[in-house]
Amino acid sequence: MHTEKEYQIMRRAAFYELRILLTTGDKKEYTVEEITELIDKIAMAKDQE
């Protein structure tokens, strides 16, 4: 079982991964659907860890 502190760290890491995905590409604007897809990819990758 994870502590609240560990959950906070995991949430921050996921948001940071999303930030990296959004800022490192050539694309400057994203639709809600595209952002949702990126979040889903991060969540699925976390489930496989």
Protein backbone atom coordinates (compact mmCIF):
# COMPACT_ATOMS: atom_id res chain seq x y z
CA MET A 1 0.00 0.00 0.00
CA HIS A 2 1.32 3.43 -0.92
CA THR A 3 1.45 6.39 1.40
CA GLU A 4 -0.22 9.71 0.57
CA LYS A 5 3.24 11.19 -0.06
CA GLU A 6 3.99 8.45 -2.62
CA TYR A 7 0.66 9.10 -4.39
CA GLN A 8 1.49 12.81 -4.57
CA ILE A 9 4.88 12.01 -6.13
CA MET A 10 3.26 9.68 -8.68
CA ARG A 11 0.67 12.32 -9.65
CA ARG A 12 3.37 14.95 -10.10
CA ALA A 13 5.41 12.56 -12.23
CA ALA A 14 2.43 11.90 -14.49
CA PHE A 15 1.77 15.62 -14.94
CA TYR A 16 5.45 16.20 -15.64
CA GLU A 17 5.40 13.48 -18.31
CA LEU A 18 2.40 15.18 -19.91
CA ARG A 19 4.18 18.53 -19.80
CA ILE A 20 7.23 17.01 -21.53
CA LEU A 21 5.04 15.44 -24.22
CA LEU A 22 3.27 18.73 -24.87
CA THR A 23 6.36 20.94 -24.94
CA THR A 24 8.87 18.81 -26.84
CA GLY A 25 6.86 18.33 -30.00
CA ASP A 26 6.56 20.62 -32.98
CA LYS A 27 2.85 21.05 -32.35
CA LYS A 28 1.83 24.17 -30.40
CA GLU A 29 -1.93 23.62 -30.11
CA TYR A 30 -3.77 20.49 -29.01
CA THR A 31 -7.42 19.49 -29.03
CA VAL A 32 -9.13 18.10 -25.95
CA GLU A 33 -9.15 14.70 -27.66
CA GLU A 34 -5.39 14.81 -28.27
CA ILE A 35 -4.65 15.75 -24.66
CA THR A 36 -7.00 13.03 -23.44
CA GLU A 37 -5.18 10.51 -25.63
CA LEU A 38 -1.82 11.57 -24.18
CA ILE A 39 -3.16 11.23 -20.63
CA ASP A 40 -4.50 7.76 -21.47
CA LYS A 41 -1.11 6.71 -22.85
CA ILE A 42 0.62 7.85 -19.67
CA ALA A 43 -1.94 6.03 -17.50
CA MET A 44 -1.58 2.80 -19.48
CA ALA A 45 2.21 2.97 -19.28
CA LYS A 46 1.98 3.47 -15.50
CA ASP A 47 -0.30 0.41 -15.22
CA GLN A 48 2.36 -1.70 -16.95
CA GLU A 49 5.12 -0.65 -14.54
